[in-house]
């Protein structure tokens, strides 16, 4: 059995707040950056394992050509990967600072303080909605999700006054 939804009126469903979605996209850069950092750390471990395996097979016996080249190339790849990881971490720290500063723009009353804490806990610190709800004092995770949504809507109202208003989510 297939269920379908038909509107009660011919009026179209109102569009979601586009600025609030832009604010959410701006904050969602943080989890994506954390994932990139984790991938880079895993790549470094893989490169180190490959270099270690190559090094352990090196012997002084003649006829084993190219092994030292593999070790050298592996070392260079590790150094390059570590440099990229350091750059990603620096960029991530700057993004965290900006996100915290932006979230604290909501600190006008008790409810908005809780909203900003939920945003920081979930987007900057990477905690789940359940963890954020418990830390802020909400009984359920959906309350934290709602607080985040309302927080994004409140930030959308003042977004033009922030230094991040020129953010392009497609970039």
Foldseek 3Di string as FASTA:
>chain_A
DDDDDDDPDPDDDDDDDPLLVVLVLLLQVLVVLVVVLVVLVVVLVVLVVQLVVLVVPDDPDPPPPPSVVSNVVSVVVNVVSVVVSVVSVVVSVVSLVLLLVLLCVQPDDLLSVLLSQLSCCCRVVVDALQVSCVVSVHPDSVVSVVSPSVSSVVSSVCVVVDPCVVDDSVD
